[in-house]
């Protein structure tokens, strides 16, 4: 354990600094996204007043026939506000705020992610990016590219990637994971307890997580497959990356709850696109070129470094721990 403490102290300052910087960048992305949507020409021939019912999302339904006076800007603000509320909850709780939780990490390198959601969110978000980049690197080495679906308008694409975390986490994590996990591990049928366990599955007494992990893997494979299943979906190369992301998000949901999985998914979508879209508009370049911009490369390096430190800290905890295997990572 003494060796463990020394290693954690060695990692403490850089690990804390990286998580803090990522937290700051996540926070800045909120005003950045609003600015992009309402103060730039991101949509080209359309803007934030574009009717929501004209989106292809509703093309095959009768929803477009309903005379709703809702535009894409209104819907974006609703989504933006929802994520901001979740972000504020993550910063302040569940037991301590982010600053009070992260301060002891500077000297010791040790932490308890159960005290604050944002610690787990920043840590696992960086791990998700690290895993995604490694998968992409390996696949490119064998000639498999990840090609995103074509969306003609950058404003509509930004709206879709902002909507996806809420829809996909509700379906894949809350419904397909949360309900079966409750059925497997709960001995109570109280409605209040059911809702509590959907929000935080760690409210359940899970002594043997094998069934839960198997379910996470199954749902993650389904999550990955549905990313490539349709004609206008991602290319087949996305299967492995989306499946791995689903496993990480499923584990985060099991360990930290719905709030954390939604915000990590939000970070992987909205956060990254807000910076890329801002760069695209500021430099008058295409969104594709913006992802190759030096600022985006710097963000990627930062996230990769944080991912490496996060994995290292997890490994140290696991390697030196003499406790029985549990969910405490």
Protein backbone atom coordinates (compact mmCIF):
# COMPACT_ATOMS: atom_id res chain seq x y z
CA UNK A 1 0.00 0.00 0.00
CA UNK A 2 2.94 2.34 0.62
CA UNK A 3 4.05 1.89 -3.01
CA UNK A 4 0.51 2.64 -4.08
CA UNK A 5 0.45 5.89 -2.10
CA UNK A 6 3.76 7.00 -3.60
CA UNK A 7 2.55 6.36 -7.14
CA UNK A 8 -0.73 8.18 -6.49
CA UNK A 9 1.13 11.16 -5.01
CA UNK A 10 3.35 11.23 -8.08
CA UNK A 11 0.31 11.30 -10.36
CA UNK A 12 -1.71 13.62 -8.10
CA UNK A 13 -0.80 17.05 -9.50
CA UNK A 14 -0.88 16.26 -13.25
CA UNK A 15 -3.99 14.08 -12.88
CA UNK A 16 -5.84 16.79 -10.94
CA UNK A 17 -4.67 19.50 -13.34
CA UNK A 18 -5.88 17.57 -16.39
CA UNK A 19 -9.30 16.83 -14.88
CA UNK A 20 -9.66 20.49 -13.86
CA UNK A 21 -8.79 21.74 -17.34
CA UNK A 22 -11.26 19.34 -18.93
CA UNK A 23 -13.91 20.53 -16.49
CA UNK A 24 -13.20 24.13 -17.49
CA UNK A 25 -13.41 23.29 -21.19
CA UNK A 26 -16.72 21.49 -20.66
CA UNK A 27 -18.07 24.55 -18.87
CA UNK A 28 -16.93 26.93 -21.63
CA UNK A 29 -18.67 24.80 -24.27
CA UNK A 30 -22.09 25.93 -22.96
CA UNK A 31 -21.81 29.59 -24.02
CA UNK A 32 -19.83 28.51 -27.09
CA UNK A 33 -22.70 26.37 -28.33
CA UNK A 34 -25.28 29.11 -27.79
CA UNK A 35 -23.07 31.59 -29.63
CA UNK A 36 -22.61 29.25 -32.58
CA UNK A 37 -26.33 28.57 -32.98
CA UNK A 38 -27.64 32.12 -32.55
CA UNK A 39 -24.77 34.42 -33.57
CA UNK A 40 -23.10 32.74 -36.54
CA UNK A 41 -24.06 31.65 -40.03
CA UNK A 42 -23.60 27.98 -39.15
CA UNK A 43 -26.80 26.98 -40.95
CA UNK A 44 -25.98 28.71 -44.22
CA UNK A 45 -29.33 29.19 -45.94
CA UNK A 46 -31.28 28.41 -42.74
CA UNK A 47 -30.93 29.65 -39.18
CA UNK A 48 -32.28 28.98 -35.69
CA UNK A 49 -35.81 29.91 -36.88
CA UNK A 50 -35.97 26.80 -39.07
CA UNK A 51 -39.18 24.88 -38.11
CA UNK A 52 -38.46 21.80 -36.05
CA UNK A 53 -41.12 19.81 -37.91
CA UNK A 54 -39.18 20.22 -41.19
CA UNK A 55 -36.32 18.05 -39.98
CA UNK A 56 -35.89 14.61 -41.55
CA UNK A 57 -36.28 13.24 -38.04
CA UNK A 58 -40.04 13.69 -38.48
CA UNK A 59 -40.21 13.03 -42.23
CA UNK A 60 -41.74 9.55 -41.90
CA UNK A 61 -44.25 10.47 -39.22
CA UNK A 62 -47.42 12.51 -38.98
CA UNK A 63 -45.69 14.87 -36.54
CA UNK A 64 -44.91 17.37 -39.30
CA UNK A 65 -48.65 17.87 -39.89
CA UNK A 66 -49.15 19.17 -36.34
CA UNK A 67 -49.19 23.00 -36.39
CA UNK A 68 -46.52 23.51 -33.72
CA UNK A 69 -44.76 26.87 -33.68
CA UNK A 70 -41.43 25.44 -32.51
CA UNK A 71 -38.18 26.13 -34.31
CA UNK A 72 -34.80 24.44 -34.07
CA UNK A 73 -33.50 27.28 -31.87
CA UNK A 74 -36.28 26.74 -29.32
CA UNK A 75 -35.58 23.02 -29.19
CA UNK A 76 -31.85 23.62 -28.89
CA UNK A 77 -32.33 25.98 -25.92
CA UNK A 78 -34.50 23.37 -24.18
CA UNK A 79 -31.80 20.74 -24.67
CA UNK A 80 -29.07 23.19 -23.68
CA UNK A 81 -30.93 24.12 -20.48
CA UNK A 82 -31.51 20.48 -19.58
CA UNK A 83 -27.82 19.64 -19.93
CA UNK A 84 -26.86 22.77 -17.99
CA UNK A 85 -29.07 21.69 -15.07
CA UNK A 86 -27.51 18.21 -15.12
CA UNK A 87 -24.05 19.80 -15.28
CA UNK A 88 -24.80 21.98 -12.24
CA UNK A 89 -26.04 18.94 -10.29
CA UNK A 90 -22.86 17.07 -11.25
CA UNK A 91 -20.65 19.95 -10.07
CA UNK A 92 -22.41 20.29 -6.71
CA UNK A 93 -23.06 16.70 -5.70
CA UNK A 94 -24.07 14.19 -4.71
CA UNK A 95 -22.13 14.74 -1.45
CA UNK A 96 -19.46 17.41 -2.08
CA UNK A 97 -18.86 20.00 -4.76
CA UNK A 98 -16.20 19.51 -7.42
CA UNK A 99 -13.56 21.82 -5.89
CA UNK A 100 -13.80 20.31 -2.40
CA UNK A 101 -13.51 16.83 -3.85
CA UNK A 102 -10.62 17.49 -6.19
CA UNK A 103 -8.43 19.52 -3.78
CA UNK A 104 -7.14 16.54 -1.73
CA UNK A 105 -6.13 14.82 -4.98
CA UNK A 106 -3.34 17.37 -5.54
CA UNK A 107 -1.31 16.09 -2.59
CA UNK A 108 -2.39 12.45 -2.42
CA UNK A 109 -3.58 11.56 -5.91
CA UNK A 110 -6.32 9.54 -4.26
CA UNK A 111 -9.99 10.34 -4.61
CA UNK A 112 -13.48 9.05 -3.99
CA UNK A 113 -15.60 9.57 -7.10
CA UNK A 114 -18.72 8.79 -5.09
CA UNK A 115 -18.46 12.22 -3.47
CA UNK A 116 -18.85 14.17 -6.71
CA UNK A 117 -20.28 13.21 -10.09
CA UNK A 118 -17.94 15.46 -12.08
CA UNK A 119 -14.84 13.53 -10.99
CA UNK A 120 -16.18 10.34 -12.53
CA UNK A 121 -17.51 12.18 -15.59
CA UNK A 122 -14.23 13.88 -16.51
CA UNK A 123 -12.24 10.72 -15.79
CA UNK A 124 -14.40 8.34 -17.81
CA UNK A 125 -14.95 10.83 -20.63
CA UNK A 126 -11.21 11.00 -21.17
CA UNK A 127 -10.99 7.19 -21.02
CA UNK A 128 -13.77 6.95 -23.62
CA UNK A 129 -11.86 9.28 -25.95
CA UNK A 130 -8.64 7.32 -25.39
CA UNK A 131 -10.32 4.01 -26.23
CA UNK A 132 -12.08 5.50 -29.27
CA UNK A 133 -8.84 6.94 -30.66
CA UNK A 134 -6.99 3.66 -30.13
CA UNK A 135 -9.73 1.71 -31.92
CA UNK A 136 -9.71 4.20 -34.79
CA UNK A 137 -5.90 4.00 -35.02
CA UNK A 138 -5.91 0.19 -35.16
CA UNK A 139 -8.72 0.09 -37.71
CA UNK A 140 -7.06 2.63 -39.96
CA UNK A 141 -3.92 0.50 -39.84
CA UNK A 142 -5.83 -2.40 -41.40
CA UNK A 143 -7.73 -0.22 -43.87
CA UNK A 144 -11.03 0.25 -42.02
CA UNK A 145 -12.21 3.86 -41.94
CA UNK A 146 -14.95 5.39 -39.81
CA UNK A 147 -17.15 7.49 -42.09
CA UNK A 148 -19.89 9.57 -40.43
CA UNK A 149 -23.40 9.83 -41.89
CA UNK A 150 -23.87 12.66 -44.35
CA UNK A 151 -25.74 15.69 -43.00
CA UNK A 152 -25.93 18.55 -45.48
CA UNK A 153 -26.38 21.34 -42.93
CA UNK A 154 -24.01 22.02 -40.01
CA UNK A 155 -26.74 23.59 -37.86
CA UNK A 156 -28.96 20.55 -38.22
CA UNK A 157 -26.02 18.25 -37.53
CA UNK A 158 -25.16 20.20 -34.37
CA UNK A 159 -28.77 19.88 -33.24
CA UNK A 160 -28.82 16.13 -33.90
CA UNK A 161 -25.59 15.47 -31.99
CA UNK A 162 -26.96 17.54 -29.10
CA UNK A 163 -30.20 15.55 -29.06
CA UNK A 164 -28.60 12.10 -29.38
CA UNK A 165 -27.15 11.79 -25.82
CA UNK A 166 -30.54 12.28 -24.19
CA UNK A 167 -32.43 9.97 -26.56
CA UNK A 168 -29.81 7.21 -26.65
CA UNK A 169 -29.08 7.22 -22.93
CA UNK A 170 -32.78 7.09 -22.14
CA UNK A 171 -33.27 4.14 -24.48
CA UNK A 172 -30.08 2.11 -24.08
CA UNK A 173 -29.08 2.83 -20.51
CA UNK A 174 -32.27 3.73 -18.64
CA UNK A 175 -34.65 1.31 -20.39
CA UNK A 176 -32.53 -1.55 -21.75
CA UNK A 177 -30.10 -1.61 -18.79
CA UNK A 178 -31.84 0.02 -15.85
CA UNK A 179 -35.07 -1.97 -15.88
CA UNK A 180 -33.47 -5.44 -16.35
CA UNK A 181 -30.82 -4.68 -13.71
CA UNK A 182 -33.56 -3.70 -11.27
CA UNK A 183 -35.40 -6.94 -12.05
CA UNK A 184 -32.22 -8.99 -11.54
CA UNK A 185 -30.99 -7.45 -8.30
CA UNK A 186 -33.90 -5.83 -6.49
CA UNK A 187 -35.88 -7.59 -3.81
CA UNK A 188 -38.32 -4.71 -3.45
CA UNK A 189 -41.17 -3.47 -5.65
CA UNK A 190 -41.64 0.07 -4.34
CA UNK A 191 -42.22 2.62 -7.12
CA UNK A 192 -40.03 5.17 -5.35
CA UNK A 193 -37.23 2.63 -5.02
CA UNK A 194 -37.65 1.64 -8.69
CA UNK A 195 -37.24 5.25 -9.85
CA UNK A 196 -34.29 5.73 -7.48
CA UNK A 197 -32.57 2.64 -8.91
CA UNK A 198 -33.15 3.75 -12.50
CA UNK A 199 -31.47 7.06 -11.65
CA UNK A 200 -28.67 5.44 -9.62
CA UNK A 201 -28.36 1.65 -10.15
CA UNK A 202 -25.70 1.58 -7.42
CA UNK A 203 -28.62 2.01 -5.01
CA UNK A 204 -29.10 -1.73 -5.55
CA UNK A 205 -27.17 -4.25 -3.49
CA UNK A 206 -25.05 -5.84 -6.22
CA UNK A 207 -22.64 -8.34 -4.71
CA UNK A 208 -21.99 -10.26 -7.93
CA UNK A 209 -22.00 -7.95 -10.97
CA UNK A 210 -21.42 -10.73 -13.56
CA UNK A 211 -25.02 -10.67 -14.86
CA UNK A 212 -25.02 -6.87 -14.96
CA UNK A 213 -21.73 -6.79 -16.90
CA UNK A 214 -23.01 -9.42 -19.36
CA UNK A 215 -26.11 -7.29 -19.90
CA UNK A 216 -23.96 -4.19 -20.44
CA UNK A 217 -21.95 -6.01 -23.12
CA UNK A 218 -25.09 -7.28 -24.88
CA UNK A 219 -26.76 -3.85 -24.91
CA UNK A 220 -23.48 -2.26 -26.06
CA UNK A 221 -23.24 -4.61 -29.04
CA UNK A 222 -26.81 -3.64 -29.94
CA UNK A 223 -25.85 0.02 -29.45
CA UNK A 224 -22.91 -0.41 -31.82
CA UNK A 225 -24.93 -2.32 -34.42
CA UNK A 226 -27.66 0.31 -34.58
CA UNK A 227 -25.03 2.92 -35.42
CA UNK A 228 -24.37 1.12 -38.71
CA UNK A 229 -27.66 -0.68 -39.38
CA UNK A 230 -29.37 1.84 -41.64
CA UNK A 231 -28.62 3.13 -45.11
CA UNK A 232 -27.78 6.65 -43.92
CA UNK A 233 -25.84 5.47 -40.83
CA UNK A 234 -22.13 5.42 -40.02
CA UNK A 235 -19.86 3.13 -41.98
CA UNK A 236 -19.18 -0.38 -40.67
CA UNK A 237 -15.99 0.83 -38.99
CA UNK A 238 -18.10 2.55 -36.35
CA UNK A 239 -19.30 -0.79 -34.93
CA UNK A 240 -16.27 -1.47 -32.72
CA UNK A 241 -15.93 2.13 -31.56
CA UNK A 242 -19.62 2.52 -30.71
CA UNK A 243 -19.69 -0.86 -28.95
CA UNK A 244 -16.68 0.06 -26.80
CA UNK A 245 -18.26 3.44 -26.02
CA UNK A 246 -21.47 1.65 -25.07
CA UNK A 247 -19.59 -0.60 -22.65
CA UNK A 248 -17.98 2.44 -20.99
CA UNK A 249 -21.29 4.31 -20.81
CA UNK A 250 -23.03 1.20 -19.48
CA UNK A 251 -20.41 0.77 -16.76
CA UNK A 252 -20.64 4.47 -15.86
CA UNK A 253 -24.43 4.17 -15.66
CA UNK A 254 -24.13 1.15 -13.38
CA UNK A 255 -21.49 2.82 -11.20
CA UNK A 256 -22.52 6.50 -11.13
CA UNK A 257 -26.03 6.65 -12.57
CA UNK A 258 -28.01 8.17 -15.42
CA UNK A 259 -26.74 11.73 -14.90
CA UNK A 260 -23.11 10.70 -15.43
CA UNK A 261 -23.75 8.57 -18.52
CA UNK A 262 -25.80 11.34 -20.15
CA UNK A 263 -23.15 13.99 -19.49
CA UNK A 264 -20.30 11.81 -20.78
CA UNK A 265 -22.31 11.13 -23.94
CA UNK A 266 -23.10 14.86 -24.14
CA UNK A 267 -19.39 15.65 -23.82
CA UNK A 268 -18.54 13.21 -26.62
CA UNK A 269 -21.12 14.90 -28.87
CA UNK A 270 -22.04 18.48 -27.99
CA UNK A 271 -18.77 19.47 -26.33
CA UNK A 272 -16.60 18.35 -29.23
CA UNK A 273 -18.92 19.71 -31.91
CA UNK A 274 -19.31 23.08 -30.17
CA UNK A 275 -15.57 23.69 -30.43
CA UNK A 276 -15.29 22.27 -33.95
CA UNK A 277 -18.26 24.31 -35.19
CA UNK A 278 -16.94 27.47 -33.55
CA UNK A 279 -13.55 26.95 -35.24
CA UNK A 280 -15.34 26.33 -38.55
CA UNK A 281 -17.28 29.59 -38.30
CA UNK A 282 -14.41 31.69 -36.92
CA UNK A 283 -11.99 30.60 -39.64
CA UNK A 284 -14.56 30.24 -42.44
CA UNK A 285 -13.57 26.65 -43.13
CA UNK A 286 -15.59 23.47 -43.45
CA UNK A 287 -16.56 21.51 -40.37
CA UNK A 288 -14.48 18.59 -41.63
CA UNK A 289 -11.41 20.84 -41.89
CA UNK A 290 -12.14 22.25 -38.44
CA UNK A 291 -11.64 18.82 -36.90
CA UNK A 292 -8.07 18.91 -38.27
CA UNK A 293 -7.41 22.39 -36.83
CA UNK A 294 -4.55 22.78 -34.34
CA UNK A 295 -6.95 23.69 -31.51
CA UNK A 296 -8.91 20.45 -31.99
CA UNK A 297 -5.62 18.53 -32.09
CA UNK A 298 -4.64 20.18 -28.80
CA UNK A 299 -7.97 19.18 -27.24
CA UNK A 300 -7.45 15.62 -28.41
CA UNK A 301 -3.93 15.47 -26.94
CA UNK A 302 -5.24 16.86 -23.65
CA UNK A 303 -8.01 14.26 -23.49
CA UNK A 304 -5.65 11.45 -24.44
CA UNK A 305 -3.20 12.48 -21.71
CA UNK A 306 -6.02 12.61 -19.19
CA UNK A 307 -7.20 9.20 -20.37
CA UNK A 308 -3.74 7.71 -19.84
CA UNK A 309 -3.51 9.18 -16.33
CA UNK A 310 -7.04 8.00 -15.52
CA UNK A 311 -6.28 4.45 -16.63
CA UNK A 312 -3.02 4.55 -14.64
CA UNK A 313 -4.81 5.61 -11.47
CA UNK A 314 -7.48 2.92 -11.97
CA UNK A 315 -4.76 0.32 -12.49
CA UNK A 316 -2.90 1.38 -9.33
CA UNK A 317 -6.08 1.19 -7.28
CA UNK A 318 -6.95 -2.21 -8.68
CA UNK A 319 -3.45 -3.69 -8.55
CA UNK A 320 -2.71 -2.70 -4.96
CA UNK A 321 -6.17 -3.24 -3.57
CA UNK A 322 -6.50 -6.27 -1.30
CA UNK A 323 -10.27 -5.98 -1.14
CA UNK A 324 -12.66 -8.30 -2.90
CA UNK A 325 -13.70 -7.28 -6.43
CA UNK A 326 -16.46 -4.70 -6.30
CA UNK A 327 -17.98 -1.80 -8.22
CA UNK A 328 -15.72 0.73 -6.54
CA UNK A 329 -13.73 1.99 -9.53
